[in-house]
Amino acid sequence: MDDLTQCLYEFLMDRRMGDLWKDEKYKACSLAVETQEERVNSFLTSEQRKKLDQLLDKITEQECLEKTYLFQAVLELVRELNAIVRA
């Protein structure tokens, strides 16, 4: 991601995602995930918890990469549509 794209992505995350985090469905889903993680953790040994944390970290990293890629694809689509409109 170039500097401008990174700046736009950070702006989007900082300024435009607030509505998602306030959304009741999102809050309920997040709470369900946290509750389930706590439940699973309660049955695991410390070594198993460590492995689960590593897995969840990798899943989060994967999701971030997917979101970044999606953002770049949408931005490219906007550029293409803008070029079509101007033609």
PDB file of N, CA and C in Angstrom:
ATOM      1  N   MET A   1       0.858  -1.158   0.000  1.00  0.00           N
ATOM      2  CA  MET A   1       0.000   0.000   0.000  1.00  0.00           C
ATOM      3  C   MET A   1       0.917   1.238   0.000  1.00  0.00           C
ATOM      4  N   ASP A   2       0.652   2.175  -0.916  1.00  0.00           N
ATOM      5  CA  ASP A   2       1.463   3.393  -0.915  1.00  0.00           C
ATOM      6  C   ASP A   2       1.017   4.328   0.209  1.00  0.00           C
ATOM      7  N   ASP A   3       1.737   5.413   0.403  1.00  0.00           N
ATOM      8  CA  ASP A   3       1.474   6.316   1.531  1.00  0.00           C
ATOM      9  C   ASP A   3       0.072   6.917   1.490  1.00  0.00           C
ATOM     10  N   LEU A   4      -0.371   7.347   0.307  1.00  0.00           N
ATOM     11  CA  LEU A   4      -1.694   7.949   0.191  1.00  0.00           C
ATOM     12  C   LEU A   4      -2.787   6.930   0.514  1.00  0.00           C
ATOM     13  N   THR A   5      -2.645   5.747  -0.022  1.00  0.00           N
ATOM     14  CA  THR A   5      -3.630   4.698   0.243  1.00  0.00           C
ATOM     15  C   THR A   5      -3.653   4.346   1.721  1.00  0.00           C
ATOM     16  N   GLN A   6      -2.482   4.267   2.333  1.00  0.00           N
ATOM     17  CA  GLN A   6      -2.392   3.984   3.771  1.00  0.00           C
ATOM     18  C   GLN A   6      -3.071   5.087   4.572  1.00  0.00           C
ATOM     19  N   CYS A   7      -2.852   6.322   4.177  1.00  0.00           N
ATOM     20  CA  CYS A   7      -3.466   7.462   4.867  1.00  0.00           C
ATOM     21  C   CYS A   7      -4.993   7.397   4.742  1.00  0.00           C
ATOM     22  N   LEU A   8      -5.488   7.106   3.547  1.00  0.00           N
ATOM     23  CA  LEU A   8      -6.935   6.981   3.345  1.00  0.00           C
ATOM     24  C   LEU A   8      -7.515   5.842   4.168  1.00  0.00           C
ATOM     25  N   TYR A   9      -6.800   4.729   4.211  1.00  0.00           N
ATOM     26  CA  TYR A   9      -7.261   3.567   4.976  1.00  0.00           C
ATOM     27  C   TYR A   9      -7.333   3.914   6.466  1.00  0.00           C
ATOM     28  N   GLU A  10      -6.309   4.568   6.978  1.00  0.00           N
ATOM     29  CA  GLU A  10      -6.296   4.944   8.389  1.00  0.00           C
ATOM     30  C   GLU A  10      -7.407   5.949   8.696  1.00  0.00           C
ATOM     31  N   PHE A  11      -7.633   6.881   7.783  1.00  0.00           N
ATOM     32  CA  PHE A  11      -8.727   7.838   7.950  1.00  0.00           C
ATOM     33  C   PHE A  11     -10.062   7.106   8.032  1.00  0.00           C
ATOM     34  N   LEU A  12     -10.252   6.164   7.123  1.00  0.00           N
ATOM     35  CA  LEU A  12     -11.489   5.379   7.122  1.00  0.00           C
ATOM     36  C   LEU A  12     -11.674   4.643   8.440  1.00  0.00           C
ATOM     37  N   MET A  13     -10.628   3.999   8.907  1.00  0.00           N
ATOM     38  CA  MET A  13     -10.724   3.231  10.151  1.00  0.00           C
ATOM     39  C   MET A  13     -10.960   4.146  11.350  1.00  0.00           C
ATOM     40  N   ASP A  14     -10.282   5.287  11.379  1.00  0.00           N
ATOM     41  CA  ASP A  14     -10.399   6.196  12.524  1.00  0.00           C
ATOM     42  C   ASP A  14     -11.709   6.965  12.544  1.00  0.00           C
ATOM     43  N   ARG A  15     -12.133   7.434  11.387  1.00  0.00           N
ATOM     44  CA  ARG A  15     -13.243   8.386  11.338  1.00  0.00           C
ATOM     45  C   ARG A  15     -14.571   7.810  10.875  1.00  0.00           C
ATOM     46  N   ARG A  16     -14.532   6.755  10.097  1.00  0.00           N
ATOM     47  CA  ARG A  16     -15.771   6.283   9.484  1.00  0.00           C
ATOM     48  C   ARG A  16     -16.289   4.963  10.025  1.00  0.00           C
ATOM     49  N   MET A  17     -15.481   4.287  10.815  1.00  0.00           N
ATOM     50  CA  MET A  17     -15.906   2.979  11.330  1.00  0.00           C
ATOM     51  C   MET A  17     -16.609   3.085  12.680  1.00  0.00           C
ATOM     52  N   GLY A  18     -16.674   4.279  13.230  1.00  0.00           N
ATOM     53  CA  GLY A  18     -17.312   4.468  14.529  1.00  0.00           C
ATOM     54  C   GLY A  18     -18.752   4.005  14.559  1.00  0.00           C
ATOM     55  N   ASP A  19     -19.465   4.208  13.453  1.00  0.00           N
ATOM     56  CA  ASP A  19     -20.863   3.767  13.407  1.00  0.00           C
ATOM     57  C   ASP A  19     -20.984   2.254  13.534  1.00  0.00           C
ATOM     58  N   LEU A  20     -20.031   1.530  12.948  1.00  0.00           N
ATOM     59  CA  LEU A  20     -20.058   0.067  13.070  1.00  0.00           C
ATOM     60  C   LEU A  20     -19.892  -0.333  14.525  1.00  0.00           C
ATOM     61  N   TRP A  21     -18.943   0.285  15.206  1.00  0.00           N
ATOM     62  CA  TRP A  21     -18.656  -0.087  16.591  1.00  0.00           C
ATOM     63  C   TRP A  21     -19.781   0.297  17.540  1.00  0.00           C
ATOM     64  N   LYS A  22     -20.667   1.192  17.108  1.00  0.00           N
ATOM     65  CA  LYS A  22     -21.830   1.576  17.907  1.00  0.00           C
ATOM     66  C   LYS A  22     -23.060   0.729  17.579  1.00  0.00           C
ATOM     67  N   ASP A  23     -22.992   0.014  16.470  1.00  0.00           N
ATOM     68  CA  ASP A  23     -24.118  -0.790  16.009  1.00  0.00           C
ATOM     69  C   ASP A  23     -24.446  -1.912  16.993  1.00  0.00           C
ATOM     70  N   GLU A  24     -25.725  -2.075  17.299  1.00  0.00           N
ATOM     71  CA  GLU A  24     -26.138  -3.074  18.301  1.00  0.00           C
ATOM     72  C   GLU A  24     -25.829  -4.507  17.854  1.00  0.00           C
ATOM     73  N   LYS A  25     -26.008  -4.805  16.569  1.00  0.00           N
ATOM     74  CA  LYS A  25     -25.682  -6.151  16.074  1.00  0.00           C
ATOM     75  C   LYS A  25     -24.194  -6.432  16.236  1.00  0.00           C
ATOM     76  N   TYR A  26     -23.377  -5.441  15.920  1.00  0.00           N
ATOM     77  CA  TYR A  26     -21.929  -5.598  16.053  1.00  0.00           C
ATOM     78  C   TYR A  26     -21.541  -5.813  17.505  1.00  0.00           C
ATOM     79  N   LYS A  27     -22.130  -5.019  18.396  1.00  0.00           N
ATOM     80  CA  LYS A  27     -21.841  -5.169  19.826  1.00  0.00           C
ATOM     81  C   LYS A  27     -22.245  -6.554  20.324  1.00  0.00           C
ATOM     82  N   ALA A  28     -23.421  -7.016  19.903  1.00  0.00           N
ATOM     83  CA  ALA A  28     -23.895  -8.338  20.332  1.00  0.00           C
ATOM     84  C   ALA A  28     -22.970  -9.434  19.810  1.00  0.00           C
ATOM     85  N   CYS A  29     -22.538  -9.303  18.560  1.00  0.00           N
ATOM     86  CA  CYS A  29     -21.636 -10.290  17.976  1.00  0.00           C
ATOM     87  C   CYS A  29     -20.303 -10.297  18.712  1.00  0.00           C
ATOM     88  N   SER A  30     -19.764  -9.122  18.997  1.00  0.00           N
ATOM     89  CA  SER A  30     -18.491  -9.024  19.718  1.00  0.00           C
ATOM     90  C   SER A  30     -18.599  -9.630  21.110  1.00  0.00           C
ATOM     91  N   LEU A  31     -19.692  -9.362  21.784  1.00  0.00           N
ATOM     92  CA  LEU A  31     -19.904  -9.923  23.114  1.00  0.00           C
ATOM     93  C   LEU A  31     -20.001 -11.448  23.056  1.00  0.00           C
ATOM     94  N   ALA A  32     -20.684 -11.963  22.045  1.00  0.00           N
ATOM     95  CA  ALA A  32     -20.799 -13.416  21.890  1.00  0.00           C
ATOM     96  C   ALA A  32     -19.432 -14.045  21.649  1.00  0.00           C
ATOM     97  N   VAL A  33     -18.602 -13.401  20.856  1.00  0.00           N
ATOM     98  CA  VAL A  33     -17.251 -13.908  20.596  1.00  0.00           C
ATOM     99  C   VAL A  33     -16.440 -13.921  21.890  1.00  0.00           C
ATOM    100  N   GLU A  34     -16.484 -12.823  22.631  1.00  0.00           N
ATOM    101  CA  GLU A  34     -15.738 -12.750  23.892  1.00  0.00           C
ATOM    102  C   GLU A  34     -16.210 -13.804  24.884  1.00  0.00           C
ATOM    103  N   THR A  35     -17.514 -13.985  24.971  1.00  0.00           N
ATOM    104  CA  THR A  35     -18.081 -14.970  25.891  1.00  0.00           C
ATOM    105  C   THR A  35     -17.638 -16.376  25.508  1.00  0.00           C
ATOM    106  N   GLN A  36     -17.693 -16.668  24.214  1.00  0.00           N
ATOM    107  CA  GLN A  36     -17.289 -17.995  23.742  1.00  0.00           C
ATOM    108  C   GLN A  36     -15.800 -18.223  23.995  1.00  0.00           C
ATOM    109  N   GLU A  37     -14.986 -17.203  23.756  1.00  0.00           N
ATOM    110  CA  GLU A  37     -13.549 -17.336  24.001  1.00  0.00           C
ATOM    111  C   GLU A  37     -13.276 -17.602  25.482  1.00  0.00           C
ATOM    112  N   GLU A  38     -13.973 -16.900  26.350  1.00  0.00           N
ATOM    113  CA  GLU A  38     -13.805 -17.119  27.790  1.00  0.00           C
ATOM    114  C   GLU A  38     -14.211 -18.535  28.169  1.00  0.00           C
ATOM    115  N   ARG A  39     -15.326 -19.006  27.592  1.00  0.00           N
ATOM    116  CA  ARG A  39     -15.788 -20.372  27.870  1.00  0.00           C
ATOM    117  C   ARG A  39     -14.754 -21.408  27.447  1.00  0.00           C
ATOM    118  N   VAL A  40     -14.235 -21.242  26.243  1.00  0.00           N
ATOM    119  CA  VAL A  40     -13.237 -22.189  25.731  1.00  0.00           C
ATOM    120  C   VAL A  40     -11.981 -22.124  26.595  1.00  0.00           C
ATOM    121  N   ASN A  41     -11.535 -20.911  26.916  1.00  0.00           N
ATOM    122  CA  ASN A  41     -10.332 -20.748  27.734  1.00  0.00           C
ATOM    123  C   ASN A  41     -10.457 -21.411  29.101  1.00  0.00           C
ATOM    124  N   SER A  42     -11.655 -21.450  29.634  1.00  0.00           N
ATOM    125  CA  SER A  42     -11.843 -22.030  30.967  1.00  0.00           C
ATOM    126  C   SER A  42     -11.569 -23.537  31.001  1.00  0.00           C
ATOM    127  N   PHE A  43     -11.592 -24.194  29.850  1.00  0.00           N
ATOM    128  CA  PHE A  43     -11.344 -25.634  29.776  1.00  0.00           C
ATOM    129  C   PHE A  43      -9.921 -25.971  29.346  1.00  0.00           C
ATOM    130  N   LEU A  44      -9.119 -24.962  29.064  1.00  0.00           N
ATOM    131  CA  LEU A  44      -7.795 -25.202  28.513  1.00  0.00           C
ATOM    132  C   LEU A  44      -6.699 -25.045  29.556  1.00  0.00           C
ATOM    133  N   THR A  45      -5.616 -25.744  29.316  1.00  0.00           N
ATOM    134  CA  THR A  45      -4.417 -25.552  30.125  1.00  0.00           C
ATOM    135  C   THR A  45      -3.741 -24.254  29.674  1.00  0.00           C
ATOM    136  N   SER A  46      -2.770 -23.800  30.426  1.00  0.00           N
ATOM    137  CA  SER A  46      -2.082 -22.561  30.050  1.00  0.00           C
ATOM    138  C   SER A  46      -1.382 -22.702  28.697  1.00  0.00           C
ATOM    139  N   GLU A  47      -0.822 -23.868  28.418  1.00  0.00           N
ATOM    140  CA  GLU A  47      -0.171 -24.095  27.120  1.00  0.00           C
ATOM    141  C   GLU A  47      -1.205 -24.075  25.989  1.00  0.00           C
ATOM    142  N   GLN A  48      -2.353 -24.678  26.224  1.00  0.00           N
ATOM    143  CA  GLN A  48      -3.414 -24.666  25.211  1.00  0.00           C
ATOM    144  C   GLN A  48      -3.944 -23.242  24.992  1.00  0.00           C
ATOM    145  N   ARG A  49      -4.064 -22.487  26.083  1.00  0.00           N
ATOM    146  CA  ARG A  49      -4.496 -21.078  25.952  1.00  0.00           C
ATOM    147  C   ARG A  49      -3.518 -20.284  25.107  1.00  0.00           C
ATOM    148  N   LYS A  50      -2.238 -20.536  25.326  1.00  0.00           N
ATOM    149  CA  LYS A  50      -1.201 -19.858  24.553  1.00  0.00           C
ATOM    150  C   LYS A  50      -1.363 -20.183  23.070  1.00  0.00           C
ATOM    151  N   LYS A  51      -1.580 -21.446  22.770  1.00  0.00           N
ATOM    152  CA  LYS A  51      -1.772 -21.872  21.371  1.00  0.00           C
ATOM    153  C   LYS A  51      -3.034 -21.243  20.778  1.00  0.00           C
ATOM    154  N   LEU A  52      -4.098 -21.187  21.562  1.00  0.00           N
ATOM    155  CA  LEU A  52      -5.338 -20.560  21.094  1.00  0.00           C
ATOM    156  C   LEU A  52      -5.104 -19.078  20.818  1.00  0.00           C
ATOM    157  N   ASP A  53      -4.401 -18.395  21.710  1.00  0.00           N
ATOM    158  CA  ASP A  53      -4.094 -16.978  21.501  1.00  0.00           C
ATOM    159  C   ASP A  53      -3.285 -16.770  20.228  1.00  0.00           C
ATOM    160  N   GLN A  54      -2.329 -17.652  19.987  1.00  0.00           N
ATOM    161  CA  GLN A  54      -1.531 -17.558  18.761  1.00  0.00           C
ATOM    162  C   GLN A  54      -2.410 -17.754  17.528  1.00  0.00           C
ATOM    163  N   LEU A  55      -3.312 -18.707  17.599  1.00  0.00           N
ATOM    164  CA  LEU A  55      -4.228 -18.953  16.493  1.00  0.00           C
ATOM    165  C   LEU A  55      -5.119 -17.742  16.247  1.00  0.00           C
ATOM    166  N   LEU A  56      -5.683 -17.192  17.313  1.00  0.00           N
ATOM    167  CA  LEU A  56      -6.549 -16.026  17.167  1.00  0.00           C
ATOM    168  C   LEU A  56      -5.782 -14.820  16.629  1.00  0.00           C
ATOM    169  N   ASP A  57      -4.537 -14.665  17.039  1.00  0.00           N
ATOM    170  CA  ASP A  57      -3.706 -13.582  16.506  1.00  0.00           C
ATOM    171  C   ASP A  57      -3.497 -13.740  15.005  1.00  0.00           C
ATOM    172  N   LYS A  58      -3.240 -14.967  14.556  1.00  0.00           N
ATOM    173  CA  LYS A  58      -3.041 -15.221  13.124  1.00  0.00           C
ATOM    174  C   LYS A  58      -4.339 -14.995  12.345  1.00  0.00           C
ATOM    175  N   ILE A  59      -5.459 -15.383  12.923  1.00  0.00           N
ATOM    176  CA  ILE A  59      -6.748 -15.150  12.273  1.00  0.00           C
ATOM    177  C   ILE A  59      -7.001 -13.650  12.141  1.00  0.00           C
ATOM    178  N   THR A  60      -6.696 -12.904  13.188  1.00  0.00           N
ATOM    179  CA  THR A  60      -6.857 -11.449  13.155  1.00  0.00           C
ATOM    180  C   THR A  60      -5.946 -10.834  12.100  1.00  0.00           C
ATOM    181  N   GLU A  61      -4.721 -11.298  12.041  1.00  0.00           N
ATOM    182  CA  GLU A  61      -3.781 -10.802  11.031  1.00  0.00           C
ATOM    183  C   GLU A  61      -4.306 -11.084   9.628  1.00  0.00           C
ATOM    184  N   GLN A  62      -4.832 -12.289   9.421  1.00  0.00           N
ATOM    185  CA  GLN A  62      -5.393 -12.660   8.125  1.00  0.00           C
ATOM    186  C   GLN A  62      -6.570 -11.750   7.768  1.00  0.00           C
ATOM    187  N   GLU A  63      -7.438 -11.499   8.718  1.00  0.00           N
ATOM    188  CA  GLU A  63      -8.589 -10.630   8.470  1.00  0.00           C
ATOM    189  C   GLU A  63      -8.149  -9.217   8.131  1.00  0.00           C
ATOM    190  N   CYS A  64      -7.121  -8.723   8.804  1.00  0.00           N
ATOM    191  CA  CYS A  64      -6.603  -7.380   8.509  1.00  0.00           C
ATOM    192  C   CYS A  64      -6.049  -7.314   7.092  1.00  0.00           C
ATOM    193  N   LEU A  65      -5.330  -8.341   6.689  1.00  0.00           N
ATOM    194  CA  LEU A  65      -4.805  -8.380   5.330  1.00  0.00           C
ATOM    195  C   LEU A  65      -5.939  -8.412   4.307  1.00  0.00           C
ATOM    196  N   GLU A  66      -6.979  -9.191   4.596  1.00  0.00           N
ATOM    197  CA  GLU A  66      -8.123  -9.261   3.693  1.00  0.00           C
ATOM    198  C   GLU A  66      -8.819  -7.902   3.580  1.00  0.00           C
ATOM    199  N   LYS A  67      -8.996  -7.215   4.707  1.00  0.00           N
ATOM    200  CA  LYS A  67      -9.651  -5.904   4.702  1.00  0.00           C
ATOM    201  C   LYS A  67      -8.814  -4.878   3.949  1.00  0.00           C
ATOM    202  N   THR A  68      -7.507  -4.930   4.133  1.00  0.00           N
ATOM    203  CA  THR A  68      -6.617  -4.019   3.422  1.00  0.00           C
ATOM    204  C   THR A  68      -6.700  -4.273   1.925  1.00  0.00           C
ATOM    205  N   TYR A  69      -6.679  -5.528   1.536  1.00  0.00           N
ATOM    206  CA  TYR A  69      -6.767  -5.885   0.126  1.00  0.00           C
ATOM    207  C   TYR A  69      -8.107  -5.429  -0.455  1.00  0.00           C
ATOM    208  N   LEU A  70      -9.178  -5.653   0.281  1.00  0.00           N
ATOM    209  CA  LEU A  70     -10.504  -5.230  -0.159  1.00  0.00           C
ATOM    210  C   LEU A  70     -10.558  -3.711  -0.322  1.00  0.00           C
ATOM    211  N   PHE A  71      -9.990  -2.979   0.624  1.00  0.00           N
ATOM    212  CA  PHE A  71      -9.956  -1.524   0.538  1.00  0.00           C
ATOM    213  C   PHE A  71      -9.226  -1.085  -0.721  1.00  0.00           C
ATOM    214  N   GLN A  72      -8.077  -1.699  -0.996  1.00  0.00           N
ATOM    215  CA  GLN A  72      -7.317  -1.352  -2.192  1.00  0.00           C
ATOM    216  C   GLN A  72      -8.106  -1.669  -3.464  1.00  0.00           C
ATOM    217  N   ALA A  73      -8.805  -2.793  -3.479  1.00  0.00           N
ATOM    218  CA  ALA A  73      -9.606  -3.164  -4.639  1.00  0.00           C
ATOM    219  C   ALA A  73     -10.746  -2.173  -4.861  1.00  0.00           C
ATOM    220  N   VAL A  74     -11.398  -1.761  -3.800  1.00  0.00           N
ATOM    221  CA  VAL A  74     -12.488  -0.785  -3.908  1.00  0.00           C
ATOM    222  C   VAL A  74     -11.948   0.552  -4.389  1.00  0.00           C
ATOM    223  N   LEU A  75     -10.811   0.954  -3.864  1.00  0.00           N
ATOM    224  CA  LEU A  75     -10.202   2.208  -4.287  1.00  0.00           C
ATOM    225  C   LEU A  75      -9.862   2.164  -5.779  1.00  0.00           C
ATOM    226  N   GLU A  76      -9.331   1.061  -6.246  1.00  0.00           N
ATOM    227  CA  GLU A  76      -9.027   0.908  -7.669  1.00  0.00           C
ATOM    228  C   GLU A  76     -10.303   0.937  -8.509  1.00  0.00           C
ATOM    229  N   LEU A  77     -11.353   0.319  -8.019  1.00  0.00           N
ATOM    230  CA  LEU A  77     -12.636   0.340  -8.714  1.00  0.00           C
ATOM    231  C   LEU A  77     -13.172   1.765  -8.815  1.00  0.00           C
ATOM    232  N   VAL A  78     -13.054   2.528  -7.761  1.00  0.00           N
ATOM    233  CA  VAL A  78     -13.485   3.931  -7.776  1.00  0.00           C
ATOM    234  C   VAL A  78     -12.693   4.708  -8.826  1.00  0.00           C
ATOM    235  N   ARG A  79     -11.406   4.461  -8.890  1.00  0.00           N
ATOM    236  CA  ARG A  79     -10.578   5.138  -9.906  1.00  0.00           C
ATOM    237  C   ARG A  79     -11.051   4.773 -11.316  1.00  0.00           C
ATOM    238  N   GLU A  80     -11.316   3.498 -11.547  1.00  0.00           N
ATOM    239  CA  GLU A  80     -11.796   3.061 -12.860  1.00  0.00           C
ATOM    240  C   GLU A  80     -13.147   3.690 -13.205  1.00  0.00           C
ATOM    241  N   LEU A  81     -14.051   3.699 -12.244  1.00  0.00           N
ATOM    242  CA  LEU A  81     -15.363   4.299 -12.481  1.00  0.00           C
ATOM    243  C   LEU A  81     -15.242   5.802 -12.737  1.00  0.00           C
ATOM    244  N   ASN A  82     -14.355   6.460 -12.030  1.00  0.00           N
ATOM    245  CA  ASN A  82     -14.118   7.877 -12.236  1.00  0.00           C
ATOM    246  C   ASN A  82     -13.600   8.139 -13.649  1.00  0.00           C
ATOM    247  N   ALA A  83     -12.703   7.282 -14.132  1.00  0.00           N
ATOM    248  CA  ALA A  83     -12.171   7.423 -15.482  1.00  0.00           C
ATOM    249  C   ALA A  83     -13.266   7.226 -16.525  1.00  0.00           C
ATOM    250  N   ILE A  84     -14.181   6.283 -16.292  1.00  0.00           N
ATOM    251  CA  ILE A  84     -15.281   6.035 -17.214  1.00  0.00           C
ATOM    252  C   ILE A  84     -16.216   7.245 -17.263  1.00  0.00           C
ATOM    253  N   VAL A  85     -16.522   7.799 -16.108  1.00  0.00           N
ATOM    254  CA  VAL A  85     -17.425   8.940 -16.031  1.00  0.00           C
ATOM    255  C   VAL A  85     -16.817  10.144 -16.742  1.00  0.00           C
ATOM    256  N   ARG A  86     -15.526  10.321 -16.608  1.00  0.00           N
ATOM    257  CA  ARG A  86     -14.857  11.468 -17.239  1.00  0.00           C
ATOM    258  C   ARG A  86     -14.703  11.294 -18.741  1.00  0.00           C
ATOM    259  N   ALA A  87     -14.768  10.062 -19.223  1.00  0.00           N
ATOM    260  CA  ALA A  87     -14.544   9.812 -20.669  1.00  0.00           C
ATOM    261  C   ALA A  87     -15.735  10.212 -21.512  1.00  0.00           C
TER     262      ALA A  87
END
